[in-house]
Amino acid sequence: MLFSAKNLWWLGIFSLVSFIATLIAIPLILVKIPADYFLETSEKAGLRPAIMTLIGRNILGFVFLVMGIIMLFTPGQGILTMLIGLSLLNFPGKRRLELNLIRRPQVQRAINWLRAKYGKPPLLIP
């Protein structure tokens, strides 16, 4: 049965672990992103990652994206986690989706507040 006591126990543990992991990982990632990450630059366009790096980033991005979706219904930073997951994934339309998320005032405020707390400049949004 889906909602047995044992399954709910494991779901609770998973929720707690993922909540703690995102409380640690999300601020670190958001502070490390360059302020011009969302701006078009020719310097970034020429970089091609190795295939193993590409596979690893996509797997990690998928995990963050799924965790973010789960956190929309459980405790956690769902939208920020999804934004990190999307930034790691490679798929058509990625940039447009990232910009739609980052242009939301509440998301921008949260990210730039965190960056200011660690002495980093705010993200430059086109």
C-alpha atoms as a PDB file:
ATOM      1  CA  MET A   1       0.000   0.000   0.000  1.00  0.00           C
ATOM      2  CA  LEU A   2       1.289   3.459  -0.928  1.00  0.00           C
ATOM      3  CA  PHE A   3       0.449   5.198   2.355  1.00  0.00           C
ATOM      4  CA  SER A   4       1.593   2.530   4.795  1.00  0.00           C
ATOM      5  CA  ALA A   5       3.337   3.602   7.992  1.00  0.00           C
ATOM      6  CA  LYS A   6       6.671   2.306   6.687  1.00  0.00           C
ATOM      7  CA  ASN A   7       6.397   4.298   3.427  1.00  0.00           C
ATOM      8  CA  LEU A   8       5.394   7.463   5.271  1.00  0.00           C
ATOM      9  CA  TRP A   9       8.374   7.013   7.602  1.00  0.00           C
ATOM     10  CA  TRP A  10      10.778   6.765   4.642  1.00  0.00           C
ATOM     11  CA  LEU A  11       9.110   9.699   2.922  1.00  0.00           C
ATOM     12  CA  GLY A  12       9.565  11.773   6.073  1.00  0.00           C
ATOM     13  CA  ILE A  13      13.247  10.838   6.294  1.00  0.00           C
ATOM     14  CA  PHE A  14      13.769  11.662   2.602  1.00  0.00           C
ATOM     15  CA  SER A  15      12.018  14.999   3.054  1.00  0.00           C
ATOM     16  CA  LEU A  16      14.164  15.912   6.065  1.00  0.00           C
ATOM     17  CA  VAL A  17      17.439  14.888   4.398  1.00  0.00           C
ATOM     18  CA  SER A  18      16.626  16.722   1.167  1.00  0.00           C
ATOM     19  CA  PHE A  19      15.545  19.802   3.135  1.00  0.00           C
ATOM     20  CA  ILE A  20      18.852  19.891   5.031  1.00  0.00           C
ATOM     21  CA  ALA A  21      20.859  19.196   1.858  1.00  0.00           C
ATOM     22  CA  THR A  22      19.224  22.083   0.022  1.00  0.00           C
ATOM     23  CA  LEU A  23      19.701  24.430   2.970  1.00  0.00           C
ATOM     24  CA  ILE A  24      23.425  23.788   2.561  1.00  0.00           C
ATOM     25  CA  ALA A  25      23.789  23.406  -1.227  1.00  0.00           C
ATOM     26  CA  ILE A  26      21.498  26.117  -2.583  1.00  0.00           C
ATOM     27  CA  PRO A  27      23.165  29.082  -0.829  1.00  0.00           C
ATOM     28  CA  LEU A  28      26.619  27.811  -1.832  1.00  0.00           C
ATOM     29  CA  ILE A  29      25.622  27.488  -5.473  1.00  0.00           C
ATOM     30  CA  LEU A  30      23.798  30.834  -5.619  1.00  0.00           C
ATOM     31  CA  VAL A  31      26.780  32.644  -4.117  1.00  0.00           C
ATOM     32  CA  LYS A  32      29.234  30.994  -6.557  1.00  0.00           C
ATOM     33  CA  ILE A  33      27.258  31.929  -9.711  1.00  0.00           C
ATOM     34  CA  PRO A  34      28.977  34.817 -11.528  1.00  0.00           C
ATOM     35  CA  ALA A  35      26.925  38.036 -11.475  1.00  0.00           C
ATOM     36  CA  ASP A  36      26.805  38.009 -15.297  1.00  0.00           C
ATOM     37  CA  TYR A  37      25.634  34.376 -15.563  1.00  0.00           C
ATOM     38  CA  PHE A  38      22.318  35.363 -17.174  1.00  0.00           C
ATOM     39  CA  LEU A  39      23.859  37.813 -19.647  1.00  0.00           C
ATOM     40  CA  GLU A  40      24.908  36.691 -23.136  1.00  0.00           C
ATOM     41  CA  THR A  41      28.676  36.669 -23.503  1.00  0.00           C
ATOM     42  CA  SER A  42      30.764  35.312 -26.341  1.00  0.00           C
ATOM     43  CA  GLU A  43      33.284  34.006 -23.808  1.00  0.00           C
ATOM     44  CA  LYS A  44      30.788  31.458 -22.429  1.00  0.00           C
ATOM     45  CA  ALA A  45      29.516  30.454 -25.867  1.00  0.00           C
ATOM     46  CA  GLY A  46      32.836  28.915 -26.922  1.00  0.00           C
ATOM     47  CA  LEU A  47      33.164  26.574 -23.949  1.00  0.00           C
ATOM     48  CA  ARG A  48      32.336  22.903 -24.602  1.00  0.00           C
ATOM     49  CA  PRO A  49      32.408  20.588 -21.568  1.00  0.00           C
ATOM     50  CA  ALA A  50      33.712  17.009 -21.778  1.00  0.00           C
ATOM     51  CA  ILE A  51      31.057  14.311 -22.238  1.00  0.00           C
ATOM     52  CA  MET A  52      31.444  12.951 -18.682  1.00  0.00           C
ATOM     53  CA  THR A  53      31.083  16.450 -17.266  1.00  0.00           C
ATOM     54  CA  LEU A  54      27.992  16.951 -19.392  1.00  0.00           C
ATOM     55  CA  ILE A  55      26.453  13.656 -18.229  1.00  0.00           C
ATOM     56  CA  GLY A  56      27.310  14.364 -14.574  1.00  0.00           C
ATOM     57  CA  ARG A  57      25.838  17.871 -14.716  1.00  0.00           C
ATOM     58  CA  ASN A  58      22.634  16.590 -16.318  1.00  0.00           C
ATOM     59  CA  ILE A  59      22.213  13.859 -13.699  1.00  0.00           C
ATOM     60  CA  LEU A  60      22.834  16.331 -10.875  1.00  0.00           C
ATOM     61  CA  GLY A  61      20.498  18.859 -12.521  1.00  0.00           C
ATOM     62  CA  PHE A  62      17.758  16.249 -12.834  1.00  0.00           C
ATOM     63  CA  VAL A  63      18.128  15.329  -9.140  1.00  0.00           C
ATOM     64  CA  PHE A  64      17.877  19.000  -8.112  1.00  0.00           C
ATOM     65  CA  LEU A  65      14.878  19.530 -10.395  1.00  0.00           C
ATOM     66  CA  VAL A  66      13.001  16.540  -8.959  1.00  0.00           C
ATOM     67  CA  MET A  67      13.880  17.594  -5.401  1.00  0.00           C
ATOM     68  CA  GLY A  68      12.611  21.108  -6.168  1.00  0.00           C
ATOM     69  CA  ILE A  69       9.315  19.773  -7.469  1.00  0.00           C
ATOM     70  CA  ILE A  70       8.939  17.618  -4.346  1.00  0.00           C
ATOM     71  CA  MET A  71       9.745  20.648  -2.173  1.00  0.00           C
ATOM     72  CA  LEU A  72       6.830  22.532  -3.658  1.00  0.00           C
ATOM     73  CA  PHE A  73       4.684  20.177  -1.552  1.00  0.00           C
ATOM     74  CA  THR A  74       7.075  19.495   1.356  1.00  0.00           C
ATOM     75  CA  PRO A  75       9.344  21.771   3.414  1.00  0.00           C
ATOM     76  CA  GLY A  76      12.193  23.248   1.413  1.00  0.00           C
ATOM     77  CA  GLN A  77      13.256  25.876  -1.086  1.00  0.00           C
ATOM     78  CA  GLY A  78      11.388  24.450  -4.070  1.00  0.00           C
ATOM     79  CA  ILE A  79      11.677  27.209  -6.667  1.00  0.00           C
ATOM     80  CA  LEU A  80      15.319  27.973  -5.893  1.00  0.00           C
ATOM     81  CA  THR A  81      16.174  24.258  -6.033  1.00  0.00           C
ATOM     82  CA  MET A  82      14.393  23.935  -9.366  1.00  0.00           C
ATOM     83  CA  LEU A  83      16.288  26.975 -10.697  1.00  0.00           C
ATOM     84  CA  ILE A  84      19.623  25.376  -9.756  1.00  0.00           C
ATOM     85  CA  GLY A  85      18.534  22.098 -11.366  1.00  0.00           C
ATOM     86  CA  LEU A  86      17.509  23.868 -14.554  1.00  0.00           C
ATOM     87  CA  SER A  87      20.812  25.739 -14.706  1.00  0.00           C
ATOM     88  CA  LEU A  88      22.692  22.426 -14.625  1.00  0.00           C
ATOM     89  CA  LEU A  89      20.557  20.681 -17.280  1.00  0.00           C
ATOM     90  CA  ASN A  90      21.017  20.995 -21.042  1.00  0.00           C
ATOM     91  CA  PHE A  91      17.797  21.098 -23.073  1.00  0.00           C
ATOM     92  CA  PRO A  92      16.193  23.258 -25.783  1.00  0.00           C
ATOM     93  CA  GLY A  93      14.538  26.375 -24.356  1.00  0.00           C
ATOM     94  CA  LYS A  94      16.585  26.254 -21.145  1.00  0.00           C
ATOM     95  CA  ARG A  95      17.666  29.885 -21.253  1.00  0.00           C
ATOM     96  CA  ARG A  96      14.132  31.191 -21.792  1.00  0.00           C
ATOM     97  CA  LEU A  97      12.821  29.109 -18.869  1.00  0.00           C
ATOM     98  CA  GLU A  98      15.662  30.228 -16.582  1.00  0.00           C
ATOM     99  CA  LEU A  99      15.008  33.871 -17.433  1.00  0.00           C
ATOM    100  CA  ASN A 100      11.275  33.477 -16.780  1.00  0.00           C
ATOM    101  CA  LEU A 101      12.053  32.126 -13.307  1.00  0.00           C
ATOM    102  CA  ILE A 102      14.815  34.571 -12.413  1.00  0.00           C
ATOM    103  CA  ARG A 103      12.778  37.600 -13.526  1.00  0.00           C
ATOM    104  CA  ARG A 104      10.170  36.948 -10.844  1.00  0.00           C
ATOM    105  CA  PRO A 105      10.618  39.733  -8.254  1.00  0.00           C
ATOM    106  CA  GLN A 106      10.405  37.419  -5.235  1.00  0.00           C
ATOM    107  CA  VAL A 107      13.048  35.067  -6.692  1.00  0.00           C
ATOM    108  CA  GLN A 108      15.368  37.970  -7.569  1.00  0.00           C
ATOM    109  CA  ARG A 109      14.953  39.455  -4.097  1.00  0.00           C
ATOM    110  CA  ALA A 110      15.759  36.155  -2.374  1.00  0.00           C
ATOM    111  CA  ILE A 111      18.827  35.445  -4.511  1.00  0.00           C
ATOM    112  CA  ASN A 112      20.236  38.971  -4.339  1.00  0.00           C
ATOM    113  CA  TRP A 113      19.617  39.158  -0.576  1.00  0.00           C
ATOM    114  CA  LEU A 114      21.613  35.945  -0.141  1.00  0.00           C
ATOM    115  CA  ARG A 115      24.401  37.169  -2.424  1.00  0.00           C
ATOM    116  CA  ALA A 116      24.597  40.490  -0.541  1.00  0.00           C
ATOM    117  CA  LYS A 117      24.837  38.622   2.747  1.00  0.00           C
ATOM    118  CA  TYR A 118      28.031  36.967   1.452  1.00  0.00           C
ATOM    119  CA  GLY A 119      29.423  40.158  -0.094  1.00  0.00           C
ATOM    120  CA  LYS A 120      28.651  39.221  -3.703  1.00  0.00           C
ATOM    121  CA  PRO A 121      27.168  41.637  -6.266  1.00  0.00           C
ATOM    122  CA  PRO A 122      23.540  41.139  -7.352  1.00  0.00           C
ATOM    123  CA  LEU A 123      22.833  39.063 -10.446  1.00  0.00           C
ATOM    124  CA  LEU A 124      22.620  41.062 -13.658  1.00  0.00           C
ATOM    125  CA  ILE A 125      19.319  40.224 -15.356  1.00  0.00           C
ATOM    126  CA  PRO A 126      18.717  41.214 -19.008  1.00  0.00           C
END
